[in-house]
PDB file of N, CA and C in Angstrom:
ATOM      1  N   UNK A   1     146.063 261.320 244.164  1.00  0.00           N
ATOM      2  CA  UNK A   1     146.329 260.416 245.271  1.00  0.00           C
ATOM      3  C   UNK A   1     147.778 259.948 245.156  1.00  0.00           C
ATOM      4  N   UNK A   2     148.461 259.837 246.260  1.00  0.00           N
ATOM      5  CA  UNK A   2     149.855 259.448 246.298  1.00  0.00           C
ATOM      6  C   UNK A   2     149.983 257.960 246.008  1.00  0.00           C
ATOM      7  N   UNK A   3     151.151 257.601 245.448  1.00  0.00           N
ATOM      8  CA  UNK A   3     151.390 256.182 245.160  1.00  0.00           C
ATOM      9  C   UNK A   3     151.477 255.327 246.392  1.00  0.00           C
ATOM     10  N   UNK A   4     151.873 255.946 247.524  1.00  0.00           N
ATOM     11  CA  UNK A   4     152.037 255.156 248.735  1.00  0.00           C
ATOM     12  C   UNK A   4     150.722 254.880 249.433  1.00  0.00           C
ATOM     13  N   UNK A   5     149.645 255.590 249.109  1.00  0.00           N
ATOM     14  CA  UNK A   5     148.357 255.361 249.682  1.00  0.00           C
ATOM     15  C   UNK A   5     147.469 254.556 248.768  1.00  0.00           C
ATOM     16  N   UNK A   6     147.958 254.116 247.670  1.00  0.00           N
ATOM     17  CA  UNK A   6     147.247 253.342 246.706  1.00  0.00           C
ATOM     18  C   UNK A   6     146.929 251.936 247.308  1.00  0.00           C
ATOM     19  N   UNK A   7     145.719 251.454 247.055  1.00  0.00           N
ATOM     20  CA  UNK A   7     145.323 250.143 247.628  1.00  0.00           C
ATOM     21  C   UNK A   7     146.202 249.022 247.087  1.00  0.00           C
ATOM     22  N   UNK A   8     146.574 249.105 245.838  1.00  0.00           N
ATOM     23  CA  UNK A   8     147.428 248.108 245.267  1.00  0.00           C
ATOM     24  C   UNK A   8     148.840 248.056 245.937  1.00  0.00           C
ATOM     25  N   UNK A   9     149.322 249.230 246.254  1.00  0.00           N
ATOM     26  CA  UNK A   9     150.630 249.317 246.902  1.00  0.00           C
ATOM     27  C   UNK A   9     150.543 248.682 248.328  1.00  0.00           C
ATOM     28  N   UNK A  10     149.444 248.943 248.982  1.00  0.00           N
ATOM     29  CA  UNK A  10     149.305 248.317 250.328  1.00  0.00           C
ATOM     30  C   UNK A  10     149.227 246.799 250.232  1.00  0.00           C
ATOM     31  N   UNK A  11     148.550 246.306 249.202  1.00  0.00           N
ATOM     32  CA  UNK A  11     148.512 244.850 249.036  1.00  0.00           C
ATOM     33  C   UNK A  11     149.872 244.287 248.733  1.00  0.00           C
ATOM     34  N   UNK A  12     150.684 245.007 247.959  1.00  0.00           N
ATOM     35  CA  UNK A  12     152.054 244.533 247.664  1.00  0.00           C
ATOM     36  C   UNK A  12     152.886 244.513 248.928  1.00  0.00           C
ATOM     37  N   UNK A  13     152.762 245.528 249.729  1.00  0.00           N
ATOM     38  CA  UNK A  13     153.499 245.643 250.961  1.00  0.00           C
ATOM     39  C   UNK A  13     153.129 244.501 251.908  1.00  0.00           C
ATOM     40  N   UNK A  14     151.837 244.269 252.055  1.00  0.00           N
ATOM     41  CA  UNK A  14     151.369 243.172 252.936  1.00  0.00           C
ATOM     42  C   UNK A  14     151.765 241.845 252.407  1.00  0.00           C
ATOM     43  N   UNK A  15     151.715 241.647 251.100  1.00  0.00           N
ATOM     44  CA  UNK A  15     152.135 240.320 250.529  1.00  0.00           C
ATOM     45  C   UNK A  15     153.664 240.136 250.730  1.00  0.00           C
ATOM     46  N   UNK A  16     154.436 241.171 250.605  1.00  0.00           N
ATOM     47  CA  UNK A  16     155.851 241.077 250.827  1.00  0.00           C
ATOM     48  C   UNK A  16     156.170 240.749 252.282  1.00  0.00           C
ATOM     49  N   UNK A  17     155.449 241.383 253.188  1.00  0.00           N
ATOM     50  CA  UNK A  17     155.602 241.133 254.600  1.00  0.00           C
ATOM     51  C   UNK A  17     155.251 239.683 254.944  1.00  0.00           C
ATOM     52  N   UNK A  18     154.157 239.206 254.393  1.00  0.00           N
ATOM     53  CA  UNK A  18     153.746 237.813 254.635  1.00  0.00           C
ATOM     54  C   UNK A  18     154.749 236.834 254.059  1.00  0.00           C
ATOM     55  N   UNK A  19     155.230 237.103 252.859  1.00  0.00           N
ATOM     56  CA  UNK A  19     156.218 236.195 252.259  1.00  0.00           C
ATOM     57  C   UNK A  19     157.511 236.185 253.071  1.00  0.00           C
ATOM     58  N   UNK A  20     157.969 237.325 253.550  1.00  0.00           N
ATOM     59  CA  UNK A  20     159.151 237.384 254.386  1.00  0.00           C
ATOM     60  C   UNK A  20     158.963 236.616 255.664  1.00  0.00           C
ATOM     61  N   UNK A  21     157.838 236.804 256.298  1.00  0.00           N
ATOM     62  CA  UNK A  21     157.562 236.123 257.572  1.00  0.00           C
ATOM     63  C   UNK A  21     157.487 234.602 257.327  1.00  0.00           C
ATOM     64  N   UNK A  22     156.843 234.163 256.292  1.00  0.00           N
ATOM     65  CA  UNK A  22     156.695 232.736 256.045  1.00  0.00           C
ATOM     66  C   UNK A  22     158.029 232.105 255.711  1.00  0.00           C
ATOM     67  N   UNK A  23     158.913 232.764 254.947  1.00  0.00           N
ATOM     68  CA  UNK A  23     160.177 232.178 254.671  1.00  0.00           C
ATOM     69  C   UNK A  23     161.073 232.105 255.891  1.00  0.00           C
ATOM     70  N   UNK A  24     160.928 233.075 256.789  1.00  0.00           N
ATOM     71  CA  UNK A  24     161.722 233.023 258.021  1.00  0.00           C
ATOM     72  C   UNK A  24     161.242 231.951 258.987  1.00  0.00           C
ATOM     73  N   UNK A  25     159.940 231.784 259.083  1.00  0.00           N
ATOM     74  CA  UNK A  25     159.421 230.798 260.054  1.00  0.00           C
ATOM     75  C   UNK A  25     159.438 229.411 259.498  1.00  0.00           C
ATOM     76  N   UNK A  26     159.519 229.244 258.178  1.00  0.00           N
ATOM     77  CA  UNK A  26     159.494 227.917 257.534  1.00  0.00           C
ATOM     78  C   UNK A  26     160.679 227.058 257.985  1.00  0.00           C
ATOM     79  N   UNK A  27     161.858 227.657 258.023  1.00  0.00           N
ATOM     80  CA  UNK A  27     163.042 226.898 258.432  1.00  0.00           C
ATOM     81  C   UNK A  27     162.942 226.416 259.857  1.00  0.00           C
ATOM     82  N   UNK A  28     162.445 227.230 260.758  1.00  0.00           N
ATOM     83  CA  UNK A  28     162.233 226.824 262.127  1.00  0.00           C
ATOM     84  C   UNK A  28     161.221 225.684 262.230  1.00  0.00           C
ATOM     85  N   UNK A  29     160.105 225.849 261.543  1.00  0.00           N
ATOM     86  CA  UNK A  29     159.081 224.792 261.572  1.00  0.00           C
ATOM     87  C   UNK A  29     159.598 223.500 260.982  1.00  0.00           C
ATOM     88  N   UNK A  30     160.374 223.577 259.908  1.00  0.00           N
ATOM     89  CA  UNK A  30     160.910 222.400 259.290  1.00  0.00           C
ATOM     90  C   UNK A  30     161.893 221.662 260.239  1.00  0.00           C
ATOM     91  N   UNK A  31     162.699 222.411 260.924  1.00  0.00           N
ATOM     92  CA  UNK A  31     163.626 221.771 261.815  1.00  0.00           C
ATOM     93  C   UNK A  31     162.997 221.188 263.069  1.00  0.00           C
ATOM     94  N   UNK A  32     161.818 221.705 263.501  1.00  0.00           N
ATOM     95  CA  UNK A  32     161.139 221.100 264.598  1.00  0.00           C
ATOM     96  C   UNK A  32     160.443 219.815 264.218  1.00  0.00           C
ATOM     97  N   UNK A  33     160.079 219.671 262.929  1.00  0.00           N
ATOM     98  CA  UNK A  33     159.378 218.452 262.500  1.00  0.00           C
ATOM     99  C   UNK A  33     160.406 217.337 262.159  1.00  0.00           C
ATOM    100  N   UNK A  34     161.528 217.726 261.550  1.00  0.00           N
ATOM    101  CA  UNK A  34     162.550 216.755 261.111  1.00  0.00           C
ATOM    102  C   UNK A  34     163.472 216.479 262.269  1.00  0.00           C
ATOM    103  N   UNK A  35     163.666 215.225 262.631  1.00  0.00           N
ATOM    104  CA  UNK A  35     164.560 214.935 263.790  1.00  0.00           C
ATOM    105  C   UNK A  35     166.013 214.902 263.345  1.00  0.00           C
ATOM    106  N   UNK A  36     166.269 214.316 262.172  1.00  0.00           N
ATOM    107  CA  UNK A  36     167.644 214.280 261.633  1.00  0.00           C
ATOM    108  C   UNK A  36     167.727 215.039 260.353  1.00  0.00           C
ATOM    109  N   UNK A  37     168.697 215.912 260.270  1.00  0.00           N
ATOM    110  CA  UNK A  37     168.902 216.699 259.024  1.00  0.00           C
ATOM    111  C   UNK A  37     169.787 215.823 258.100  1.00  0.00           C
ATOM    112  N   UNK A  38     169.364 215.664 256.842  1.00  0.00           N
ATOM    113  CA  UNK A  38     170.197 214.902 255.913  1.00  0.00           C
ATOM    114  C   UNK A  38     171.563 215.595 255.734  1.00  0.00           C
ATOM    115  N   UNK A  39     172.602 214.829 255.438  1.00  0.00           N
ATOM    116  CA  UNK A  39     173.929 215.404 255.314  1.00  0.00           C
ATOM    117  C   UNK A  39     174.028 216.497 254.242  1.00  0.00           C
ATOM    118  N   UNK A  40     173.366 216.316 253.134  1.00  0.00           N
ATOM    119  CA  UNK A  40     173.410 217.318 252.057  1.00  0.00           C
ATOM    120  C   UNK A  40     172.738 218.616 252.471  1.00  0.00           C
ATOM    121  N   UNK A  41     171.607 218.500 253.213  1.00  0.00           N
ATOM    122  CA  UNK A  41     170.918 219.676 253.692  1.00  0.00           C
ATOM    123  C   UNK A  41     171.791 220.405 254.718  1.00  0.00           C
ATOM    124  N   UNK A  42     172.470 219.635 255.581  1.00  0.00           N
ATOM    125  CA  UNK A  42     173.352 220.258 256.574  1.00  0.00           C
ATOM    126  C   UNK A  42     174.527 220.993 255.897  1.00  0.00           C
ATOM    127  N   UNK A  43     175.053 220.361 254.843  1.00  0.00           N
ATOM    128  CA  UNK A  43     176.182 220.993 254.103  1.00  0.00           C
ATOM    129  C   UNK A  43     175.680 222.283 253.469  1.00  0.00           C
ATOM    130  N   UNK A  44     174.446 222.296 252.922  1.00  0.00           N
ATOM    131  CA  UNK A  44     173.874 223.489 252.305  1.00  0.00           C
ATOM    132  C   UNK A  44     173.693 224.582 253.388  1.00  0.00           C
ATOM    133  N   UNK A  45     173.191 224.191 254.552  1.00  0.00           N
ATOM    134  CA  UNK A  45     172.993 225.173 255.608  1.00  0.00           C
ATOM    135  C   UNK A  45     174.350 225.758 256.112  1.00  0.00           C
ATOM    136  N   UNK A  46     175.364 224.906 256.149  1.00  0.00           N
ATOM    137  CA  UNK A  46     176.676 225.372 256.573  1.00  0.00           C
ATOM    138  C   UNK A  46     177.343 226.288 255.555  1.00  0.00           C
ATOM    139  N   UNK A  47     176.874 226.264 254.261  1.00  0.00           N
ATOM    140  CA  UNK A  47     177.450 227.108 253.258  1.00  0.00           C
ATOM    141  C   UNK A  47     176.782 228.498 253.232  1.00  0.00           C
ATOM    142  N   UNK A  48     175.719 228.724 253.957  1.00  0.00           N
ATOM    143  CA  UNK A  48     175.022 229.996 253.877  1.00  0.00           C
ATOM    144  C   UNK A  48     175.841 231.142 254.476  1.00  0.00           C
ATOM    145  N   UNK A  49     176.393 231.058 255.656  1.00  0.00           N
ATOM    146  CA  UNK A  49     177.173 232.207 256.208  1.00  0.00           C
ATOM    147  C   UNK A  49     178.327 232.689 255.313  1.00  0.00           C
ATOM    148  N   UNK A  50     179.157 231.808 254.764  1.00  0.00           N
ATOM    149  CA  UNK A  50     180.175 232.343 253.855  1.00  0.00           C
ATOM    150  C   UNK A  50     179.613 232.988 252.605  1.00  0.00           C
ATOM    151  N   UNK A  51     178.498 232.430 252.138  1.00  0.00           N
ATOM    152  CA  UNK A  51     177.884 233.061 250.936  1.00  0.00           C
ATOM    153  C   UNK A  51     177.340 234.458 251.228  1.00  0.00           C
ATOM    154  N   UNK A  52     176.740 234.592 252.371  1.00  0.00           N
ATOM    155  CA  UNK A  52     176.246 235.929 252.747  1.00  0.00           C
ATOM    156  C   UNK A  52     177.380 236.895 252.989  1.00  0.00           C
ATOM    157  N   UNK A  53     178.429 236.455 253.629  1.00  0.00           N
ATOM    158  CA  UNK A  53     179.577 237.321 253.875  1.00  0.00           C
ATOM    159  C   UNK A  53     180.213 237.744 252.563  1.00  0.00           C
ATOM    160  N   UNK A  54     180.293 236.836 251.614  1.00  0.00           N
ATOM    161  CA  UNK A  54     180.846 237.189 250.293  1.00  0.00           C
ATOM    162  C   UNK A  54     180.029 238.221 249.608  1.00  0.00           C
ATOM    163  N   UNK A  55     178.685 238.110 249.681  1.00  0.00           N
ATOM    164  CA  UNK A  55     177.838 239.118 249.006  1.00  0.00           C
ATOM    165  C   UNK A  55     177.966 240.496 249.663  1.00  0.00           C
ATOM    166  N   UNK A  56     178.359 240.535 250.923  1.00  0.00           N
ATOM    167  CA  UNK A  56     178.497 241.819 251.605  1.00  0.00           C
ATOM    168  C   UNK A  56     179.908 242.393 251.367  1.00  0.00           C
ATOM    169  N   UNK A  57     180.944 241.542 251.303  1.00  0.00           N
ATOM    170  CA  UNK A  57     182.295 242.054 251.258  1.00  0.00           C
ATOM    171  C   UNK A  57     182.766 242.322 249.779  1.00  0.00           C
ATOM    172  N   UNK A  58     182.346 241.475 248.861  1.00  0.00           N
ATOM    173  CA  UNK A  58     182.836 241.586 247.458  1.00  0.00           C
ATOM    174  C   UNK A  58     182.533 242.941 246.836  1.00  0.00           C
ATOM    175  N   UNK A  59     181.318 243.481 246.930  1.00  0.00           N
ATOM    176  CA  UNK A  59     181.108 244.824 246.332  1.00  0.00           C
ATOM    177  C   UNK A  59     181.969 245.902 246.975  1.00  0.00           C
ATOM    178  N   UNK A  60     182.144 245.854 248.271  1.00  0.00           N
ATOM    179  CA  UNK A  60     182.988 246.837 248.930  1.00  0.00           C
ATOM    180  C   UNK A  60     184.429 246.702 248.498  1.00  0.00           C
ATOM    181  N   UNK A  61     184.857 245.487 248.239  1.00  0.00           N
ATOM    182  CA  UNK A  61     186.243 245.281 247.816  1.00  0.00           C
ATOM    183  C   UNK A  61     186.448 245.825 246.411  1.00  0.00           C
ATOM    184  N   UNK A  62     185.553 245.530 245.522  1.00  0.00           N
ATOM    185  CA  UNK A  62     185.744 245.963 244.117  1.00  0.00           C
ATOM    186  C   UNK A  62     185.390 247.398 243.875  1.00  0.00           C
ATOM    187  N   UNK A  63     184.393 247.900 244.546  1.00  0.00           N
ATOM    188  CA  UNK A  63     183.966 249.273 244.301  1.00  0.00           C
ATOM    189  C   UNK A  63     184.635 250.294 245.242  1.00  0.00           C
ATOM    190  N   UNK A  64     185.226 249.800 246.342  1.00  0.00           N
ATOM    191  CA  UNK A  64     185.835 250.711 247.293  1.00  0.00           C
ATOM    192  C   UNK A  64     187.203 251.165 246.871  1.00  0.00           C
ATOM    193  N   UNK A  65     187.665 252.116 247.576  1.00  0.00           N
ATOM    194  CA  UNK A  65     189.044 252.599 247.294  1.00  0.00           C
ATOM    195  C   UNK A  65     190.090 251.726 247.878  1.00  0.00           C
ATOM    196  N   UNK A  66     191.327 252.232 247.868  1.00  0.00           N
ATOM    197  CA  UNK A  66     192.452 251.477 248.390  1.00  0.00           C
ATOM    198  C   UNK A  66     192.365 251.222 249.880  1.00  0.00           C
ATOM    199  N   UNK A  67     191.728 252.193 250.585  1.00  0.00           N
ATOM    200  CA  UNK A  67     191.570 252.010 252.020  1.00  0.00           C
ATOM    201  C   UNK A  67     190.628 250.879 252.347  1.00  0.00           C
ATOM    202  N   UNK A  68     189.618 250.646 251.563  1.00  0.00           N
ATOM    203  CA  UNK A  68     188.681 249.556 251.776  1.00  0.00           C
ATOM    204  C   UNK A  68     189.381 248.210 251.503  1.00  0.00           C
ATOM    205  N   UNK A  69     190.205 248.184 250.477  1.00  0.00           N
ATOM    206  CA  UNK A  69     190.911 246.932 250.166  1.00  0.00           C
ATOM    207  C   UNK A  69     191.924 246.576 251.281  1.00  0.00           C
ATOM    208  N   UNK A  70     192.634 247.576 251.792  1.00  0.00           N
ATOM    209  CA  UNK A  70     193.582 247.349 252.877  1.00  0.00           C
ATOM    210  C   UNK A  70     192.855 246.925 254.160  1.00  0.00           C
ATOM    211  N   UNK A  71     191.729 247.563 254.431  1.00  0.00           N
ATOM    212  CA  UNK A  71     190.936 247.214 255.638  1.00  0.00           C
ATOM    213  C   UNK A  71     190.386 245.782 255.551  1.00  0.00           C
ATOM    214  N   UNK A  72     189.933 245.384 254.361  1.00  0.00           N
ATOM    215  CA  UNK A  72     189.387 244.047 254.197  1.00  0.00           C
ATOM    216  C   UNK A  72     190.494 243.017 254.354  1.00  0.00           C
ATOM    217  N   UNK A  73     191.707 243.322 253.808  1.00  0.00           N
ATOM    218  CA  UNK A  73     192.829 242.430 253.978  1.00  0.00           C
ATOM    219  C   UNK A  73     193.213 242.294 255.437  1.00  0.00           C
ATOM    220  N   UNK A  74     193.216 243.413 256.152  1.00  0.00           N
ATOM    221  CA  UNK A  74     193.551 243.355 257.598  1.00  0.00           C
ATOM    222  C   UNK A  74     192.478 242.609 258.383  1.00  0.00           C
ATOM    223  N   UNK A  75     191.238 242.783 258.019  1.00  0.00           N
ATOM    224  CA  UNK A  75     190.160 242.086 258.700  1.00  0.00           C
ATOM    225  C   UNK A  75     190.272 240.573 258.416  1.00  0.00           C
ATOM    226  N   UNK A  76     190.615 240.226 257.191  1.00  0.00           N
ATOM    227  CA  UNK A  76     190.817 238.818 256.856  1.00  0.00           C
ATOM    228  C   UNK A  76     191.955 238.187 257.722  1.00  0.00           C
ATOM    229  N   UNK A  77     193.056 238.911 257.861  1.00  0.00           N
ATOM    230  CA  UNK A  77     194.168 238.431 258.678  1.00  0.00           C
ATOM    231  C   UNK A  77     193.710 238.259 260.149  1.00  0.00           C
ATOM    232  N   UNK A  78     192.923 239.216 260.667  1.00  0.00           N
ATOM    233  CA  UNK A  78     192.452 239.105 262.020  1.00  0.00           C
ATOM    234  C   UNK A  78     191.451 237.963 262.147  1.00  0.00           C
ATOM    235  N   UNK A  79     190.659 237.728 261.122  1.00  0.00           N
ATOM    236  CA  UNK A  79     189.711 236.650 261.127  1.00  0.00           C
ATOM    237  C   UNK A  79     190.396 235.275 261.103  1.00  0.00           C
ATOM    238  N   UNK A  80     191.518 235.190 260.428  1.00  0.00           N
ATOM    239  CA  UNK A  80     192.250 233.903 260.436  1.00  0.00           C
ATOM    240  C   UNK A  80     192.986 233.710 261.748  1.00  0.00           C
ATOM    241  N   UNK A  81     193.276 234.754 262.479  1.00  0.00           N
ATOM    242  CA  UNK A  81     194.020 234.632 263.758  1.00  0.00           C
ATOM    243  C   UNK A  81     193.097 234.368 264.947  1.00  0.00           C
ATOM    244  N   UNK A  82     191.921 235.023 264.995  1.00  0.00           N
ATOM    245  CA  UNK A  82     191.038 234.907 266.112  1.00  0.00           C
ATOM    246  C   UNK A  82     189.765 234.150 265.728  1.00  0.00           C
ATOM    247  N   UNK A  83     189.220 233.423 266.662  1.00  0.00           N
ATOM    248  CA  UNK A  83     188.003 232.651 266.380  1.00  0.00           C
ATOM    249  C   UNK A  83     186.747 233.505 266.514  1.00  0.00           C
ATOM    250  N   UNK A  84     186.798 234.562 267.295  1.00  0.00           N
ATOM    251  CA  UNK A  84     185.637 235.435 267.458  1.00  0.00           C
ATOM    252  C   UNK A  84     185.594 236.452 266.308  1.00  0.00           C
ATOM    253  N   UNK A  85     184.400 236.835 265.860  1.00  0.00           N
ATOM    254  CA  UNK A  85     184.317 237.812 264.777  1.00  0.00           C
ATOM    255  C   UNK A  85     184.548 239.249 265.235  1.00  0.00           C
ATOM    256  N   UNK A  86     184.483 239.498 266.548  1.00  0.00           N
ATOM    257  CA  UNK A  86     184.618 240.888 267.033  1.00  0.00           C
ATOM    258  C   UNK A  86     185.998 241.494 266.740  1.00  0.00           C
ATOM    259  N   UNK A  87     187.101 240.762 266.908  1.00  0.00           N
ATOM    260  CA  UNK A  87     188.388 241.354 266.512  1.00  0.00           C
ATOM    261  C   UNK A  87     188.473 241.656 265.038  1.00  0.00           C
ATOM    262  N   UNK A  88     187.895 240.810 264.194  1.00  0.00           N
ATOM    263  CA  UNK A  88     187.901 241.046 262.759  1.00  0.00           C
ATOM    264  C   UNK A  88     187.156 242.313 262.434  1.00  0.00           C
ATOM    265  N   UNK A  89     186.006 242.550 263.049  1.00  0.00           N
ATOM    266  CA  UNK A  89     185.218 243.753 262.776  1.00  0.00           C
ATOM    267  C   UNK A  89     185.974 244.974 263.316  1.00  0.00           C
ATOM    268  N   UNK A  90     186.537 244.865 264.500  1.00  0.00           N
ATOM    269  CA  UNK A  90     187.278 245.961 265.074  1.00  0.00           C
ATOM    270  C   UNK A  90     188.494 246.355 264.272  1.00  0.00           C
ATOM    271  N   UNK A  91     189.234 245.368 263.800  1.00  0.00           N
ATOM    272  CA  UNK A  91     190.424 245.658 262.975  1.00  0.00           C
ATOM    273  C   UNK A  91     190.048 246.290 261.667  1.00  0.00           C
ATOM    274  N   UNK A  92     189.073 245.735 260.991  1.00  0.00           N
ATOM    275  CA  UNK A  92     188.646 246.313 259.702  1.00  0.00           C
ATOM    276  C   UNK A  92     188.160 247.714 259.860  1.00  0.00           C
ATOM    277  N   UNK A  93     187.345 247.945 260.852  1.00  0.00           N
ATOM    278  CA  UNK A  93     186.787 249.293 261.067  1.00  0.00           C
ATOM    279  C   UNK A  93     187.884 250.281 261.412  1.00  0.00           C
ATOM    280  N   UNK A  94     188.790 249.872 262.326  1.00  0.00           N
ATOM    281  CA  UNK A  94     189.877 250.742 262.746  1.00  0.00           C
ATOM    282  C   UNK A  94     190.808 251.096 261.609  1.00  0.00           C
ATOM    283  N   UNK A  95     191.143 250.068 260.799  1.00  0.00           N
ATOM    284  CA  UNK A  95     192.067 250.344 259.680  1.00  0.00           C
ATOM    285  C   UNK A  95     191.440 251.312 258.671  1.00  0.00           C
ATOM    286  N   UNK A  96     190.191 251.110 258.327  1.00  0.00           N
ATOM    287  CA  UNK A  96     189.605 251.982 257.340  1.00  0.00           C
ATOM    288  C   UNK A  96     189.429 253.402 257.892  1.00  0.00           C
ATOM    289  N   UNK A  97     189.109 253.529 259.164  1.00  0.00           N
ATOM    290  CA  UNK A  97     188.942 254.877 259.734  1.00  0.00           C
ATOM    291  C   UNK A  97     190.308 255.579 259.832  1.00  0.00           C
ATOM    292  N   UNK A  98     191.313 254.870 260.255  1.00  0.00           N
ATOM    293  CA  UNK A  98     192.674 255.493 260.346  1.00  0.00           C
ATOM    294  C   UNK A  98     193.154 255.913 258.963  1.00  0.00           C
ATOM    295  N   UNK A  99     192.987 255.023 257.975  1.00  0.00           N
ATOM    296  CA  UNK A  99     193.438 255.362 256.644  1.00  0.00           C
ATOM    297  C   UNK A  99     192.657 256.513 256.071  1.00  0.00           C
ATOM    298  N   UNK A 100     191.356 256.585 256.296  1.00  0.00           N
ATOM    299  CA  UNK A 100     190.523 257.672 255.751  1.00  0.00           C
ATOM    300  C   UNK A 100     190.827 258.987 256.462  1.00  0.00           C
ATOM    301  N   UNK A 101     191.146 258.953 257.710  1.00  0.00           N
ATOM    302  CA  UNK A 101     191.336 260.173 258.494  1.00  0.00           C
ATOM    303  C   UNK A 101     192.762 260.747 258.343  1.00  0.00           C
ATOM    304  N   UNK A 102     193.745 259.834 258.418  1.00  0.00           N
ATOM    305  CA  UNK A 102     195.141 260.323 258.474  1.00  0.00           C
ATOM    306  C   UNK A 102     195.898 260.169 257.125  1.00  0.00           C
ATOM    307  N   UNK A 103     195.717 259.048 256.462  1.00  0.00           N
ATOM    308  CA  UNK A 103     196.545 258.751 255.290  1.00  0.00           C
ATOM    309  C   UNK A 103     195.911 259.222 253.969  1.00  0.00           C
ATOM    310  N   UNK A 104     194.650 258.947 253.773  1.00  0.00           N
ATOM    311  CA  UNK A 104     194.017 259.282 252.472  1.00  0.00           C
ATOM    312  C   UNK A 104     192.850 260.204 252.767  1.00  0.00           C
ATOM    313  N   UNK A 105     193.095 261.459 253.162  1.00  0.00           N
ATOM    314  CA  UNK A 105     191.940 262.341 253.364  1.00  0.00           C
ATOM    315  C   UNK A 105     191.319 262.767 252.055  1.00  0.00           C
ATOM    316  N   UNK A 106     189.967 262.932 252.088  1.00  0.00           N
ATOM    317  CA  UNK A 106     189.331 263.289 250.820  1.00  0.00           C
ATOM    318  C   UNK A 106     189.111 264.761 250.716  1.00  0.00           C
TER     319      UNK A 106
END
């Protein structure tokens, strides 16, 4: 019998799905019950997007090549200049593609 059709594996998958759903819905339910968010909780919620962005960008910066580092620096400059994230994404993507295609071919 395959490991993927094992009853225990199905229970693990269902438990993981339930845990994921409950953690996602818990924040919404908590905010509907609480009328005022305490300042410390609001500060913690405001810190989440930069933390997630750091976990996505840091490995690419340290493990990537020179083209990744240049593209991240260019995206950072665009992010500081524009308030919308779309120019930052476009600049980073364009720089890495141009560098990989024209300057640093593999």
